[in-house]
N, C-alpha and C. Protein backbone atom coordinates (compact mmCIF):
# COMPACT_ATOMS: atom_id res chain seq x y z
N MET A 1 5.12 -4.32 1.56
CA MET A 1 4.64 -3.21 2.32
C MET A 1 5.08 -1.93 1.62
N SER A 2 4.18 -0.99 1.46
CA SER A 2 4.50 0.29 0.86
C SER A 2 5.38 1.09 1.80
N ARG A 3 6.32 1.84 1.26
CA ARG A 3 7.19 2.64 2.12
C ARG A 3 6.42 3.77 2.78
N TYR A 4 5.20 4.05 2.33
CA TYR A 4 4.38 5.08 2.94
C TYR A 4 3.34 4.52 3.90
N SER A 5 3.30 3.23 4.09
CA SER A 5 2.24 2.61 4.88
C SER A 5 2.26 3.03 6.35
N ARG A 6 3.41 3.46 6.87
CA ARG A 6 3.50 3.85 8.28
C ARG A 6 3.46 5.37 8.47
N ILE A 7 3.16 6.12 7.42
CA ILE A 7 3.11 7.57 7.52
C ILE A 7 1.66 8.01 7.66
N PRO A 8 1.35 8.81 8.69
CA PRO A 8 -0.02 9.26 8.91
C PRO A 8 -0.54 10.13 7.75
N ILE A 9 -1.82 9.98 7.47
CA ILE A 9 -2.47 10.76 6.42
C ILE A 9 -3.56 11.61 7.08
N THR A 10 -3.68 12.86 6.63
CA THR A 10 -4.71 13.75 7.18
C THR A 10 -5.51 14.37 6.06
N LYS A 11 -6.68 14.87 6.42
CA LYS A 11 -7.50 15.69 5.53
C LYS A 11 -8.36 16.59 6.40
N THR A 12 -8.82 17.68 5.85
CA THR A 12 -9.66 18.61 6.59
C THR A 12 -10.99 18.76 5.86
N THR A 13 -11.96 19.36 6.52
CA THR A 13 -13.25 19.59 5.87
C THR A 13 -13.12 20.65 4.77
N ASN A 14 -12.19 21.58 4.95
CA ASN A 14 -11.98 22.62 3.93
C ASN A 14 -11.22 22.09 2.72
N ASP A 15 -10.40 21.08 2.93
CA ASP A 15 -9.60 20.51 1.84
C ASP A 15 -9.65 18.99 1.98
N PRO A 16 -10.53 18.32 1.25
CA PRO A 16 -10.72 16.88 1.42
C PRO A 16 -9.60 16.01 0.83
N ARG A 17 -8.60 16.64 0.19
CA ARG A 17 -7.50 15.85 -0.36
C ARG A 17 -6.68 15.22 0.77
N LEU A 18 -6.24 14.01 0.55
CA LEU A 18 -5.41 13.33 1.53
C LEU A 18 -3.98 13.87 1.44
N ARG A 19 -3.40 14.11 2.61
CA ARG A 19 -2.03 14.63 2.66
C ARG A 19 -1.25 13.87 3.72
N TYR A 20 0.00 13.59 3.39
CA TYR A 20 0.88 12.98 4.38
C TYR A 20 1.32 14.04 5.37
N THR A 21 1.36 13.68 6.64
CA THR A 21 1.77 14.63 7.66
C THR A 21 3.29 14.61 7.82
N VAL A 22 3.79 15.55 8.59
CA VAL A 22 5.22 15.58 8.88
C VAL A 22 5.57 14.35 9.71
N VAL A 23 6.59 13.66 9.30
CA VAL A 23 6.98 12.42 9.96
C VAL A 23 8.00 12.71 11.06
N LYS A 24 7.81 12.06 12.20
CA LYS A 24 8.76 12.17 13.32
C LYS A 24 9.49 10.83 13.43
N TYR A 25 10.80 10.91 13.53
CA TYR A 25 11.62 9.70 13.62
C TYR A 25 12.18 9.55 15.02
N PRO A 26 12.25 8.31 15.51
CA PRO A 26 12.84 8.09 16.84
C PRO A 26 14.35 8.27 16.79
N THR A 27 14.93 8.59 17.93
CA THR A 27 16.38 8.61 18.06
C THR A 27 16.83 7.16 18.19
N ILE A 28 17.78 6.77 17.38
CA ILE A 28 18.25 5.39 17.37
C ILE A 28 19.65 5.36 17.98
N LEU A 29 19.70 5.06 19.26
CA LEU A 29 20.97 5.05 19.98
C LEU A 29 21.79 3.81 19.63
N PRO A 30 23.11 3.92 19.73
CA PRO A 30 23.97 2.76 19.45
C PRO A 30 23.73 1.61 20.42
N SER A 31 23.98 0.41 19.95
CA SER A 31 23.89 -0.81 20.75
C SER A 31 25.10 -1.67 20.44
N ALA A 32 25.47 -2.51 21.38
CA ALA A 32 26.60 -3.42 21.17
C ALA A 32 26.31 -4.42 20.05
N LEU A 33 25.04 -4.62 19.73
CA LEU A 33 24.65 -5.58 18.69
C LEU A 33 24.66 -4.99 17.28
N ASP A 34 24.82 -3.67 17.17
CA ASP A 34 24.81 -3.03 15.86
C ASP A 34 26.01 -3.46 15.02
N VAL A 35 25.83 -3.36 13.72
CA VAL A 35 26.88 -3.72 12.76
C VAL A 35 27.41 -2.42 12.15
N TYR A 36 28.72 -2.36 11.94
CA TYR A 36 29.34 -1.21 11.30
C TYR A 36 29.96 -1.66 9.99
N VAL A 37 29.70 -0.91 8.92
CA VAL A 37 30.26 -1.23 7.61
C VAL A 37 30.79 0.05 6.97
N TYR A 38 31.74 -0.11 6.07
CA TYR A 38 32.23 0.99 5.26
C TYR A 38 31.49 0.95 3.93
N THR A 39 31.05 2.10 3.49
CA THR A 39 30.30 2.18 2.24
C THR A 39 31.23 2.35 1.05
N THR A 40 30.72 1.98 -0.11
CA THR A 40 31.45 2.18 -1.35
C THR A 40 30.57 3.00 -2.30
N GLN A 41 31.17 3.49 -3.36
CA GLN A 41 30.44 4.27 -4.35
C GLN A 41 29.25 3.46 -4.87
N GLY A 42 28.07 4.07 -4.86
CA GLY A 42 26.87 3.41 -5.38
C GLY A 42 26.03 2.70 -4.34
N ASP A 43 26.53 2.58 -3.10
CA ASP A 43 25.71 1.97 -2.04
C ASP A 43 24.46 2.82 -1.82
N ARG A 44 23.35 2.15 -1.52
CA ARG A 44 22.09 2.83 -1.22
C ARG A 44 21.50 2.22 0.03
N TYR A 45 20.84 3.07 0.83
CA TYR A 45 20.25 2.59 2.07
C TYR A 45 19.19 1.51 1.83
N ASP A 46 18.40 1.62 0.78
CA ASP A 46 17.36 0.63 0.54
C ASP A 46 17.95 -0.74 0.23
N VAL A 47 19.05 -0.76 -0.51
CA VAL A 47 19.71 -2.03 -0.82
C VAL A 47 20.36 -2.62 0.44
N ILE A 48 20.96 -1.76 1.24
CA ILE A 48 21.56 -2.22 2.51
C ILE A 48 20.47 -2.79 3.42
N ALA A 49 19.33 -2.09 3.51
CA ALA A 49 18.22 -2.56 4.34
C ALA A 49 17.70 -3.90 3.83
N GLN A 50 17.62 -4.07 2.53
CA GLN A 50 17.18 -5.35 1.97
C GLN A 50 18.15 -6.47 2.38
N ASN A 51 19.44 -6.17 2.34
CA ASN A 51 20.45 -7.17 2.69
C ASN A 51 20.42 -7.54 4.17
N TYR A 52 20.22 -6.56 5.05
CA TYR A 52 20.29 -6.81 6.48
C TYR A 52 18.93 -7.13 7.12
N TYR A 53 17.86 -6.55 6.57
CA TYR A 53 16.53 -6.73 7.17
C TYR A 53 15.55 -7.48 6.27
N SER A 54 15.93 -7.79 5.05
CA SER A 54 15.04 -8.40 4.06
C SER A 54 13.81 -7.53 3.79
N ASP A 55 13.99 -6.20 3.92
CA ASP A 55 12.89 -5.26 3.69
C ASP A 55 13.49 -3.91 3.31
N SER A 56 13.44 -3.56 2.05
CA SER A 56 14.06 -2.32 1.59
C SER A 56 13.36 -1.07 2.11
N THR A 57 12.09 -1.19 2.54
CA THR A 57 11.36 -0.03 3.04
C THR A 57 11.87 0.44 4.39
N LEU A 58 12.71 -0.35 5.03
CA LEU A 58 13.27 0.04 6.33
C LEU A 58 14.58 0.80 6.18
N TRP A 59 14.85 1.31 4.99
CA TRP A 59 16.08 2.06 4.72
C TRP A 59 16.24 3.23 5.68
N TRP A 60 15.14 3.85 6.07
CA TRP A 60 15.21 5.04 6.92
C TRP A 60 15.79 4.73 8.29
N ILE A 61 15.69 3.48 8.76
CA ILE A 61 16.27 3.12 10.05
C ILE A 61 17.79 3.28 9.99
N ILE A 62 18.38 2.79 8.93
CA ILE A 62 19.84 2.91 8.78
C ILE A 62 20.22 4.37 8.56
N ASN A 63 19.45 5.07 7.76
CA ASN A 63 19.72 6.48 7.50
C ASN A 63 19.66 7.29 8.80
N ARG A 64 18.64 7.09 9.60
CA ARG A 64 18.46 7.86 10.84
C ARG A 64 19.41 7.42 11.95
N ALA A 65 19.96 6.23 11.85
CA ALA A 65 20.93 5.77 12.84
C ALA A 65 22.30 6.41 12.62
N ASN A 66 22.44 7.14 11.52
CA ASN A 66 23.71 7.76 11.16
C ASN A 66 23.52 9.26 10.96
N PRO A 67 23.43 10.02 12.06
CA PRO A 67 23.15 11.45 11.95
C PRO A 67 24.25 12.24 11.23
N ASN A 68 25.42 11.64 11.07
CA ASN A 68 26.50 12.31 10.34
C ASN A 68 26.30 12.24 8.82
N GLN A 69 25.28 11.51 8.37
CA GLN A 69 24.97 11.38 6.95
C GLN A 69 23.81 12.32 6.59
N ASP A 70 23.64 12.58 5.31
CA ASP A 70 22.55 13.43 4.83
C ASP A 70 21.22 12.69 5.02
N ALA A 71 20.36 13.23 5.87
CA ALA A 71 19.08 12.58 6.17
C ALA A 71 18.12 12.61 4.98
N ASN A 72 18.40 13.43 3.98
CA ASN A 72 17.52 13.56 2.82
C ASN A 72 18.01 12.78 1.62
N SER A 73 18.99 11.92 1.82
CA SER A 73 19.56 11.18 0.70
C SER A 73 19.44 9.68 0.92
N ILE A 74 19.24 8.96 -0.15
CA ILE A 74 19.20 7.49 -0.12
C ILE A 74 20.61 6.92 -0.24
N PHE A 75 21.59 7.79 -0.53
CA PHE A 75 22.98 7.36 -0.71
C PHE A 75 23.85 7.79 0.46
N PRO A 76 24.47 6.84 1.17
CA PRO A 76 25.45 7.25 2.18
C PRO A 76 26.72 7.75 1.48
N THR A 77 27.48 8.56 2.17
CA THR A 77 28.73 9.06 1.60
C THR A 77 29.69 7.90 1.38
N ALA A 78 30.20 7.78 0.16
CA ALA A 78 31.13 6.69 -0.17
C ALA A 78 32.37 6.76 0.71
N GLY A 79 32.79 5.62 1.23
CA GLY A 79 33.99 5.54 2.06
C GLY A 79 33.75 5.83 3.52
N SER A 80 32.51 6.12 3.90
CA SER A 80 32.22 6.41 5.30
C SER A 80 31.78 5.14 6.04
N GLN A 81 31.97 5.16 7.34
CA GLN A 81 31.51 4.04 8.16
C GLN A 81 30.09 4.36 8.62
N ILE A 82 29.18 3.42 8.41
CA ILE A 82 27.80 3.62 8.88
C ILE A 82 27.43 2.51 9.85
N ARG A 83 26.48 2.84 10.69
CA ARG A 83 25.98 1.89 11.70
C ARG A 83 24.66 1.33 11.22
N ILE A 84 24.54 0.02 11.29
CA ILE A 84 23.29 -0.67 10.93
C ILE A 84 22.72 -1.28 12.21
N PRO A 85 21.61 -0.72 12.71
CA PRO A 85 21.02 -1.28 13.92
C PRO A 85 20.70 -2.76 13.75
N SER A 86 20.91 -3.50 14.80
CA SER A 86 20.66 -4.94 14.79
C SER A 86 19.22 -5.25 14.38
N PHE A 87 19.05 -6.32 13.63
CA PHE A 87 17.71 -6.76 13.22
C PHE A 87 16.81 -6.98 14.42
N ASP A 88 17.38 -7.42 15.54
CA ASP A 88 16.60 -7.65 16.76
C ASP A 88 15.97 -6.37 17.30
N ARG A 89 16.48 -5.22 16.92
CA ARG A 89 15.98 -3.94 17.40
C ARG A 89 14.91 -3.32 16.50
N VAL A 90 14.71 -3.87 15.32
CA VAL A 90 13.81 -3.26 14.35
C VAL A 90 12.38 -3.14 14.89
N GLY A 91 11.87 -4.15 15.54
CA GLY A 91 10.51 -4.10 16.09
C GLY A 91 10.34 -2.97 17.09
N THR A 92 11.32 -2.77 17.95
CA THR A 92 11.27 -1.69 18.94
C THR A 92 11.33 -0.33 18.25
N ILE A 93 12.20 -0.21 17.26
CA ILE A 93 12.32 1.05 16.52
C ILE A 93 11.01 1.38 15.80
N LEU A 94 10.38 0.38 15.20
CA LEU A 94 9.10 0.61 14.52
C LEU A 94 8.01 0.99 15.51
N ALA A 95 8.01 0.38 16.69
CA ALA A 95 7.02 0.74 17.72
C ALA A 95 7.23 2.18 18.17
N GLN A 96 8.48 2.61 18.32
CA GLN A 96 8.77 4.00 18.68
C GLN A 96 8.30 4.94 17.59
N PHE A 97 8.53 4.57 16.33
CA PHE A 97 8.08 5.39 15.20
C PHE A 97 6.56 5.51 15.24
N ASP A 98 5.87 4.40 15.42
CA ASP A 98 4.40 4.42 15.46
C ASP A 98 3.88 5.30 16.61
N ALA A 99 4.53 5.22 17.77
CA ALA A 99 4.10 6.02 18.92
C ALA A 99 4.32 7.52 18.64
N LEU A 100 5.45 7.87 18.07
CA LEU A 100 5.73 9.28 17.76
C LEU A 100 4.75 9.84 16.74
N ASN A 101 4.30 9.00 15.83
CA ASN A 101 3.40 9.44 14.78
C ASN A 101 1.95 9.04 15.04
N LYS A 102 1.69 8.64 16.27
CA LYS A 102 0.35 8.30 16.75
C LYS A 102 -0.35 7.26 15.87
N LEU A 103 0.42 6.21 15.54
CA LEU A 103 -0.13 5.12 14.73
C LEU A 103 -0.56 3.93 15.59
N ILE A 104 -0.36 4.04 16.91
CA ILE A 104 -0.78 2.94 17.79
C ILE A 104 -1.77 3.45 18.81
């Protein structure tokens, strides 16, 4: 799956080029099922997502679940504790993302 497959695309009659719209992310509240890990130098959200979800394109779920981290970076701060939402919650999080971005 492309990492852009869930991002809405728009075009206008004045400008027929396809453009990605501003993406809205759901708030990912903590759950008792979430996993907490300490990061090390060189950790990346996409690699963590691959390890926990078997899908590196879901890196943004882990990034957005940790508002204390830089939302514009693929690298969590080394030595920090991050929260990884439970795999059981991924479907609900994706449905919330789709609803916010009018993909459903």
